[in-house]
C-alpha cells in the first residue's frame, strides 16, 4: 500500500505533468495565433506570454524541488544500507 509520501510524490508528478501539458498547449496557441493583428488579440497574446513565463518558472522550481527530494531520499537510503561505494549501491539495486 502506498504511504503518504508516495501519494504526495505521485500527486506532485501528476501536477508537473499537467503543468507541462498546459504550457505546451499555450505555446502552441501562441504560435498559431501570431498572424492575428487586432489590439484585442495582441493584448490577449501578451497576457498569455506573461502567464507562460510564470508557468515555466514555476515548473522549473517544481522540477528542481522534486530532484532535490530524490537526491535526499537516495542519500538517506545509502546511509541506511551503508552503501560505501558505487558498486554497493548498484548491487543493492539488483537485490
C-alpha atoms as a PDB file:
ATOM      1  CA  UNK A   1       0.000   0.000   0.000  1.00  0.00           C
ATOM      2  CA  UNK A   2       1.245   3.478  -0.843  1.00  0.00           C
ATOM      3  CA  UNK A   3       2.337   5.610   2.065  1.00  0.00           C
ATOM      4  CA  UNK A   4       1.618   9.327   2.411  1.00  0.00           C
ATOM      5  CA  UNK A   5       5.000  10.280   0.929  1.00  0.00           C
ATOM      6  CA  UNK A   6       4.422   8.107  -2.143  1.00  0.00           C
ATOM      7  CA  UNK A   7       0.943   9.565  -2.682  1.00  0.00           C
ATOM      8  CA  UNK A   8       2.312  13.091  -2.323  1.00  0.00           C
ATOM      9  CA  UNK A   9       5.107  12.305  -4.802  1.00  0.00           C
ATOM     10  CA  UNK A  10       2.593  10.851  -7.273  1.00  0.00           C
ATOM     11  CA  UNK A  11       0.392  13.942  -6.891  1.00  0.00           C
ATOM     12  CA  UNK A  12       3.375  16.230  -7.460  1.00  0.00           C
ATOM     13  CA  UNK A  13       4.433  14.232 -10.522  1.00  0.00           C
ATOM     14  CA  UNK A  14       0.869  14.469 -11.870  1.00  0.00           C
ATOM     15  CA  UNK A  15       0.834  18.222 -11.231  1.00  0.00           C
ATOM     16  CA  UNK A  16       4.158  18.658 -13.017  1.00  0.00           C
ATOM     17  CA  UNK A  17       2.888  16.608 -15.957  1.00  0.00           C
ATOM     18  CA  UNK A  18      -0.338  18.616 -16.109  1.00  0.00           C
ATOM     19  CA  UNK A  19       1.587  21.886 -15.956  1.00  0.00           C
ATOM     20  CA  UNK A  20       3.854  20.741 -18.798  1.00  0.00           C
ATOM     21  CA  UNK A  21       0.789  19.906 -20.905  1.00  0.00           C
ATOM     22  CA  UNK A  22      -0.831  23.296 -20.241  1.00  0.00           C
ATOM     23  CA  UNK A  23       2.413  25.062 -21.154  1.00  0.00           C
ATOM     24  CA  UNK A  24       2.752  23.079 -24.386  1.00  0.00           C
ATOM     25  CA  UNK A  25      -0.862  23.827 -25.346  1.00  0.00           C
ATOM     26  CA  UNK A  26      -0.487  27.527 -24.569  1.00  0.00           C
ATOM     27  CA  UNK A  27       2.751  27.739 -26.556  1.00  0.00           C
ATOM     28  CA  UNK A  28       1.011  26.072 -29.494  1.00  0.00           C
ATOM     29  CA  UNK A  29      -1.861  28.542 -29.199  1.00  0.00           C
ATOM     30  CA  UNK A  30       0.563  31.470 -29.226  1.00  0.00           C
ATOM     31  CA  UNK A  31       2.352  30.058 -32.243  1.00  0.00           C
ATOM     32  CA  UNK A  32      -0.886  29.519 -34.164  1.00  0.00           C
ATOM     33  CA  UNK A  33      -2.333  32.961 -33.438  1.00  0.00           C
ATOM     34  CA  UNK A  34       0.649  35.159 -34.274  1.00  0.00           C
ATOM     35  CA  UNK A  35      -0.964  36.261 -37.546  1.00  0.00           C
ATOM     36  CA  UNK A  36      -3.886  37.971 -35.771  1.00  0.00           C
ATOM     37  CA  UNK A  37      -3.086  41.659 -35.547  1.00  0.00           C
ATOM     38  CA  UNK A  38      -6.037  43.230 -33.747  1.00  0.00           C
ATOM     39  CA  UNK A  39      -5.326  45.012 -30.497  1.00  0.00           C
ATOM     40  CA  UNK A  40      -7.593  42.595 -28.628  1.00  0.00           C
ATOM     41  CA  UNK A  41      -5.682  39.546 -29.873  1.00  0.00           C
ATOM     42  CA  UNK A  42      -2.297  41.139 -29.278  1.00  0.00           C
ATOM     43  CA  UNK A  43      -3.284  42.099 -25.742  1.00  0.00           C
ATOM     44  CA  UNK A  44      -4.526  38.568 -25.002  1.00  0.00           C
ATOM     45  CA  UNK A  45      -1.382  37.075 -26.524  1.00  0.00           C
ATOM     46  CA  UNK A  46       0.818  39.346 -24.392  1.00  0.00           C
ATOM     47  CA  UNK A  47      -1.041  38.273 -21.242  1.00  0.00           C
ATOM     48  CA  UNK A  48      -0.721  34.621 -22.233  1.00  0.00           C
ATOM     49  CA  UNK A  49       3.001  35.071 -22.913  1.00  0.00           C
ATOM     50  CA  UNK A  50       3.445  36.559 -19.409  1.00  0.00           C
ATOM     51  CA  UNK A  51       1.470  33.698 -17.854  1.00  0.00           C
ATOM     52  CA  UNK A  52       3.605  31.206 -19.785  1.00  0.00           C
ATOM     53  CA  UNK A  53       6.766  32.801 -18.472  1.00  0.00           C
ATOM     54  CA  UNK A  54       5.484  32.471 -14.907  1.00  0.00           C
ATOM     55  CA  UNK A  55       4.316  28.888 -15.536  1.00  0.00           C
ATOM     56  CA  UNK A  56       7.704  27.889 -16.947  1.00  0.00           C
ATOM     57  CA  UNK A  57       9.454  29.382 -13.917  1.00  0.00           C
ATOM     58  CA  UNK A  58       7.110  27.505 -11.571  1.00  0.00           C
ATOM     59  CA  UNK A  59       7.620  24.274 -13.499  1.00  0.00           C
ATOM     60  CA  UNK A  60      11.384  24.669 -13.205  1.00  0.00           C
ATOM     61  CA  UNK A  61      11.052  25.313  -9.456  1.00  0.00           C
ATOM     62  CA  UNK A  62       8.854  22.220  -9.017  1.00  0.00           C
ATOM     63  CA  UNK A  63      11.225  20.035 -11.017  1.00  0.00           C
ATOM     64  CA  UNK A  64      14.221  21.311  -9.051  1.00  0.00           C
ATOM     65  CA  UNK A  65      12.442  20.623  -5.754  1.00  0.00           C
ATOM     66  CA  UNK A  66      11.484  17.135  -6.933  1.00  0.00           C
ATOM     67  CA  UNK A  67      15.080  16.426  -7.961  1.00  0.00           C
ATOM     68  CA  UNK A  68      16.379  17.585  -4.570  1.00  0.00           C
ATOM     69  CA  UNK A  69      13.874  15.302  -2.789  1.00  0.00           C
ATOM     70  CA  UNK A  70      15.043  12.362  -4.907  1.00  0.00           C
ATOM     71  CA  UNK A  71      18.698  13.125  -4.160  1.00  0.00           C
ATOM     72  CA  UNK A  72      17.958  13.385  -0.432  1.00  0.00           C
ATOM     73  CA  UNK A  73      15.993  10.124  -0.453  1.00  0.00           C
ATOM     74  CA  UNK A  74      18.849   8.383  -2.253  1.00  0.00           C
ATOM     75  CA  UNK A  75      21.344   9.753   0.245  1.00  0.00           C
ATOM     76  CA  UNK A  76      19.211   8.558   3.182  1.00  0.00           C
ATOM     77  CA  UNK A  77      18.914   5.098   1.604  1.00  0.00           C
ATOM     78  CA  UNK A  78      22.681   4.961   1.081  1.00  0.00           C
ATOM     79  CA  UNK A  79      23.268   5.811   4.729  1.00  0.00           C
ATOM     80  CA  UNK A  80      20.628   3.341   5.909  1.00  0.00           C
ATOM     81  CA  UNK A  81      22.102   0.480   3.901  1.00  0.00           C
ATOM     82  CA  UNK A  82      25.703   1.597   4.442  1.00  0.00           C
ATOM     83  CA  UNK A  83      26.460   1.815   0.743  1.00  0.00           C
ATOM     84  CA  UNK A  84      30.083   2.940   0.765  1.00  0.00           C
ATOM     85  CA  UNK A  85      30.824   2.640  -2.925  1.00  0.00           C
ATOM     86  CA  UNK A  86      29.085   2.899  -6.246  1.00  0.00           C
ATOM     87  CA  UNK A  87      29.331  -0.878  -6.534  1.00  0.00           C
ATOM     88  CA  UNK A  88      27.471  -1.282  -3.217  1.00  0.00           C
ATOM     89  CA  UNK A  89      24.690   0.988  -4.484  1.00  0.00           C
ATOM     90  CA  UNK A  90      24.448  -0.864  -7.758  1.00  0.00           C
ATOM     91  CA  UNK A  91      24.368  -4.288  -6.155  1.00  0.00           C
ATOM     92  CA  UNK A  92      21.627  -3.201  -3.735  1.00  0.00           C
ATOM     93  CA  UNK A  93      19.557  -2.011  -6.688  1.00  0.00           C
ATOM     94  CA  UNK A  94      19.533  -5.567  -8.041  1.00  0.00           C
ATOM     95  CA  UNK A  95      18.707  -7.293  -4.741  1.00  0.00           C
END
